[in-house]
C-alpha cells in the first residue's frame, strides 16, 4: 500500500511502532516499473508478519527511564488453508526534556486463506494512533540564544490502511492477481494561543 503524501511525497515513520513488521527493504534508485511513477528516488518497503506453522501467543511489557512503558501483544498461527498474524503494541514516555512526551499505539493484522494450492486471498490492516508534544525547553540544551518555547503545542495523528489481495488460478492456463487498498490519514497540530499572549 502506498502511504506517501500526495502533496509532499513523503511519510513520517517516527510514530509507527515496528512490532508487527517482519522485514524492511530499502531500494535505492528509480523503481517506477514496479512501484509507480513517483518512485524516482527509491522505495522503503515494509513487509508485515505472516502466520507461521506453529501457533504462538506472547505478551511483553517493558519499563524504562523517563516514565517509559512499552507493552506488546502478539499472536500468530497457520493450518492447512488459513494463516493469521495479529500484533498490538503501545508506548508511553515523558521524554528526556521538558514537554517531550510521546504516546503511541499500533495494531497490525494479516489474515490469509488459500482455497487451492495455487490460489491465495489475503487481508492486511494497520492502524496507528499517536500524540506527541512539540514544545521544548531550550535551557536543557544550554544554548546561549533566547528562543521562545511553546507550552501547549501537540501533534496528533490517526492512520488506518487496509488492503485485500487475491492471486487466483482457477484453471491451469489462466491466472490473475487483483489488489485493492484504502488509506486514511489525519494529522492535527493542536496549538492554541498561549496563556497570557496578546
Protein backbone atom coordinates (compact mmCIF):
# COMPACT_ATOMS: atom_id res chain seq x y z
CA UNK A 1 0.00 0.00 0.00
CA UNK A 2 1.48 3.34 -1.00
CA UNK A 3 1.44 5.62 2.06
CA UNK A 4 3.43 8.69 0.98
CA UNK A 5 1.67 12.05 0.95
CA UNK A 6 0.26 13.10 -2.46
CA UNK A 7 1.26 16.69 -1.67
CA UNK A 8 4.81 16.29 -0.32
CA UNK A 9 5.63 12.73 -1.48
CA UNK A 10 6.92 11.76 1.97
CA UNK A 11 5.82 9.77 5.01
CA UNK A 12 6.67 10.16 8.69
CA UNK A 13 7.78 6.78 10.10
CA UNK A 14 8.61 8.28 13.51
CA UNK A 15 5.22 7.44 15.09
CA UNK A 16 4.94 3.91 13.70
CA UNK A 17 5.76 1.06 16.10
CA UNK A 18 7.58 -1.82 14.41
CA UNK A 19 6.38 -4.88 16.36
CA UNK A 20 4.09 -6.04 13.54
CA UNK A 21 6.73 -5.52 10.84
CA UNK A 22 8.75 -8.55 9.72
CA UNK A 23 11.06 -7.01 7.15
CA UNK A 24 12.16 -3.55 5.98
CA UNK A 25 13.63 -3.32 2.49
CA UNK A 26 15.29 -0.12 1.24
CA UNK A 27 15.60 0.03 -2.55
CA UNK A 28 17.69 2.84 -3.99
CA UNK A 29 17.27 4.43 -7.38
CA UNK A 30 14.35 4.68 -9.78
CA UNK A 31 11.75 1.94 -9.23
CA UNK A 32 8.83 3.26 -11.29
CA UNK A 33 8.44 -0.01 -13.21
CA UNK A 34 7.41 -1.83 -10.03
CA UNK A 35 6.10 0.88 -7.69
CA UNK A 36 4.68 3.63 -9.91
CA UNK A 37 5.81 6.92 -11.43
CA UNK A 38 6.55 8.59 -8.06
CA UNK A 39 9.26 6.07 -7.10
CA UNK A 40 12.02 8.03 -8.81
CA UNK A 41 14.48 8.25 -5.89
CA UNK A 42 13.92 4.95 -4.12
CA UNK A 43 11.43 2.90 -2.11
CA UNK A 44 11.13 1.85 1.53
CA UNK A 45 9.14 -1.39 1.57
CA UNK A 46 7.71 -2.59 4.91
CA UNK A 47 6.51 -6.19 4.98
CA UNK A 48 4.09 -7.21 7.74
CA UNK A 49 4.34 -10.53 9.56
CA UNK A 50 2.54 -13.62 8.27
CA UNK A 51 1.36 -16.61 10.26
CA UNK A 52 3.90 -19.40 10.73
CA UNK A 53 3.36 -23.14 11.11
CA UNK A 54 3.43 -23.12 14.91
CA UNK A 55 0.73 -21.29 16.84
CA UNK A 56 2.16 -18.65 19.15
CA UNK A 57 0.83 -16.19 21.70
CA UNK A 58 3.02 -13.75 23.61
CA UNK A 59 2.71 -10.74 25.90
CA UNK A 60 5.64 -8.48 26.65
CA UNK A 61 5.97 -5.47 28.96
CA UNK A 62 8.94 -3.14 29.43
CA UNK A 63 9.69 -0.26 31.81
CA UNK A 64 12.43 2.33 31.33
CA UNK A 65 13.69 5.74 32.35
CA UNK A 66 11.66 8.93 31.99
CA UNK A 67 8.41 7.13 32.79
CA UNK A 68 8.69 4.96 29.71
CA UNK A 69 6.32 2.00 29.35
CA UNK A 70 6.00 -0.40 26.43
CA UNK A 71 3.52 -3.26 26.00
CA UNK A 72 3.22 -5.74 23.15
CA UNK A 73 0.69 -8.49 22.44
CA UNK A 74 1.23 -10.87 19.53
CA UNK A 75 -0.48 -14.00 18.20
CA UNK A 76 0.00 -15.99 15.02
CA UNK A 77 -0.75 -19.38 13.56
CA UNK A 78 -1.27 -21.45 10.43
CA UNK A 79 -3.12 -24.58 9.34
CA UNK A 80 -3.78 -26.28 6.01
CA UNK A 81 -5.60 -23.38 4.32
CA UNK A 82 -5.53 -20.36 6.63
CA UNK A 83 -2.86 -18.30 8.36
CA UNK A 84 -3.10 -15.29 10.63
CA UNK A 85 -0.88 -12.81 12.45
CA UNK A 86 -2.01 -10.07 14.85
CA UNK A 87 0.15 -7.64 16.78
CA UNK A 88 -0.78 -4.74 19.09
CA UNK A 89 1.79 -2.51 20.77
CA UNK A 90 1.79 0.67 22.84
CA UNK A 91 4.50 3.09 24.03
CA UNK A 92 4.21 5.91 26.56
CA UNK A 93 7.09 8.12 27.65
CA UNK A 94 7.61 11.56 29.16
CA UNK A 95 10.88 12.00 27.25
CA UNK A 96 14.20 13.45 28.34
CA UNK A 97 13.30 17.14 28.03
CA UNK A 98 10.50 19.40 29.12
CA UNK A 99 7.36 18.84 27.01
CA UNK A 100 8.91 15.85 25.26
CA UNK A 101 6.22 13.22 25.88
CA UNK A 102 5.06 10.66 23.31
CA UNK A 103 2.09 8.28 23.38
CA UNK A 104 1.57 5.84 20.54
CA UNK A 105 -0.16 2.58 19.68
CA UNK A 106 -0.08 0.40 16.57
CA UNK A 107 -2.18 -2.59 15.51
CA UNK A 108 -1.21 -4.81 12.57
CA UNK A 109 -3.30 -7.73 11.38
CA UNK A 110 -2.96 -10.13 8.45
CA UNK A 111 -5.33 -12.94 7.51
CA UNK A 112 -4.73 -15.32 4.64
CA UNK A 113 -6.76 -18.09 3.01
CA UNK A 114 -5.67 -20.50 0.28
CA UNK A 115 -8.66 -22.21 -1.37
CA UNK A 116 -6.29 -24.22 -3.58
CA UNK A 117 -2.56 -24.88 -3.67
CA UNK A 118 -2.08 -22.19 -6.32
CA UNK A 119 -4.60 -19.57 -5.11
CA UNK A 120 -4.31 -17.12 -2.23
CA UNK A 121 -6.52 -14.47 -0.63
CA UNK A 122 -5.00 -12.02 1.86
CA UNK A 123 -6.39 -9.20 4.03
CA UNK A 124 -3.98 -6.78 5.75
CA UNK A 125 -4.84 -3.93 8.14
CA UNK A 126 -2.69 -1.42 10.02
CA UNK A 127 -3.91 1.18 12.49
CA UNK A 128 -1.68 3.75 14.20
CA UNK A 129 -2.55 6.48 16.71
CA UNK A 130 -0.03 8.84 18.28
CA UNK A 131 0.22 12.04 20.27
CA UNK A 132 3.42 13.95 20.95
CA UNK A 133 4.36 17.28 22.47
CA UNK A 134 6.25 19.65 20.19
CA UNK A 135 7.36 22.34 22.64
CA UNK A 136 10.90 22.12 24.07
CA UNK A 137 12.63 23.98 26.86
CA UNK A 138 15.81 25.17 25.14
CA UNK A 139 17.53 25.70 28.50
CA UNK A 140 18.01 21.92 28.57
CA UNK A 141 20.47 22.32 25.67
CA UNK A 142 22.38 25.21 27.32
CA UNK A 143 22.04 27.25 24.14
CA UNK A 144 23.11 30.90 24.67
CA UNK A 145 20.26 32.12 22.45
CA UNK A 146 16.87 33.32 23.62
CA UNK A 147 14.23 31.14 21.97
CA UNK A 148 10.51 31.22 22.78
CA UNK A 149 9.29 27.80 23.94
CA UNK A 150 5.76 26.74 23.00
CA UNK A 151 3.96 25.44 26.09
CA UNK A 152 0.87 23.85 24.51
CA UNK A 153 1.77 22.55 21.06
CA UNK A 154 0.63 18.98 20.30
CA UNK A 155 0.71 16.80 17.19
CA UNK A 156 -1.94 14.07 16.88
CA UNK A 157 -2.11 11.50 14.10
CA UNK A 158 -4.53 8.73 13.19
CA UNK A 159 -3.58 6.40 10.36
CA UNK A 160 -5.52 3.42 9.06
CA UNK A 161 -4.79 1.40 5.96
CA UNK A 162 -6.26 -1.83 4.66
CA UNK A 163 -5.67 -3.94 1.60
CA UNK A 164 -7.10 -7.08 0.11
CA UNK A 165 -5.17 -9.10 -2.44
CA UNK A 166 -6.15 -12.15 -4.46
CA UNK A 167 -3.93 -14.41 -6.54
CA UNK A 168 -6.22 -16.85 -8.29
CA UNK A 169 -5.61 -19.71 -10.71
CA UNK A 170 -8.99 -21.33 -11.39
CA UNK A 171 -7.60 -23.41 -14.26
CA UNK A 172 -4.10 -24.40 -15.32
CA UNK A 173 -3.92 -21.99 -18.25
CA UNK A 174 -5.35 -18.88 -16.51
CA UNK A 175 -4.03 -16.88 -13.55
CA UNK A 176 -4.98 -13.41 -12.30
CA UNK A 177 -3.98 -11.05 -9.49
CA UNK A 178 -6.28 -8.41 -8.03
CA UNK A 179 -5.47 -5.93 -5.27
CA UNK A 180 -7.39 -3.09 -3.66
CA UNK A 181 -6.41 -0.80 -0.80
CA UNK A 182 -7.62 2.18 1.21
CA UNK A 183 -5.64 4.72 3.25
CA UNK A 184 -6.95 7.35 5.68
CA UNK A 185 -4.50 9.62 7.48
CA UNK A 186 -5.42 12.50 9.80
CA UNK A 187 -2.75 14.82 11.20
CA UNK A 188 -3.81 17.53 13.64
CA UNK A 189 -1.49 20.21 15.04
CA UNK A 190 -3.20 21.41 18.21
CA UNK A 191 -1.56 24.73 19.10
CA UNK A 192 -3.97 27.11 20.88
CA UNK A 193 -2.99 30.62 21.93
CA UNK A 194 -0.53 30.55 24.79
CA UNK A 195 -1.82 31.69 28.19
CA UNK A 196 -1.15 35.38 28.63
CA UNK A 197 -0.49 36.01 24.95
CA UNK A 198 -1.95 39.17 23.47
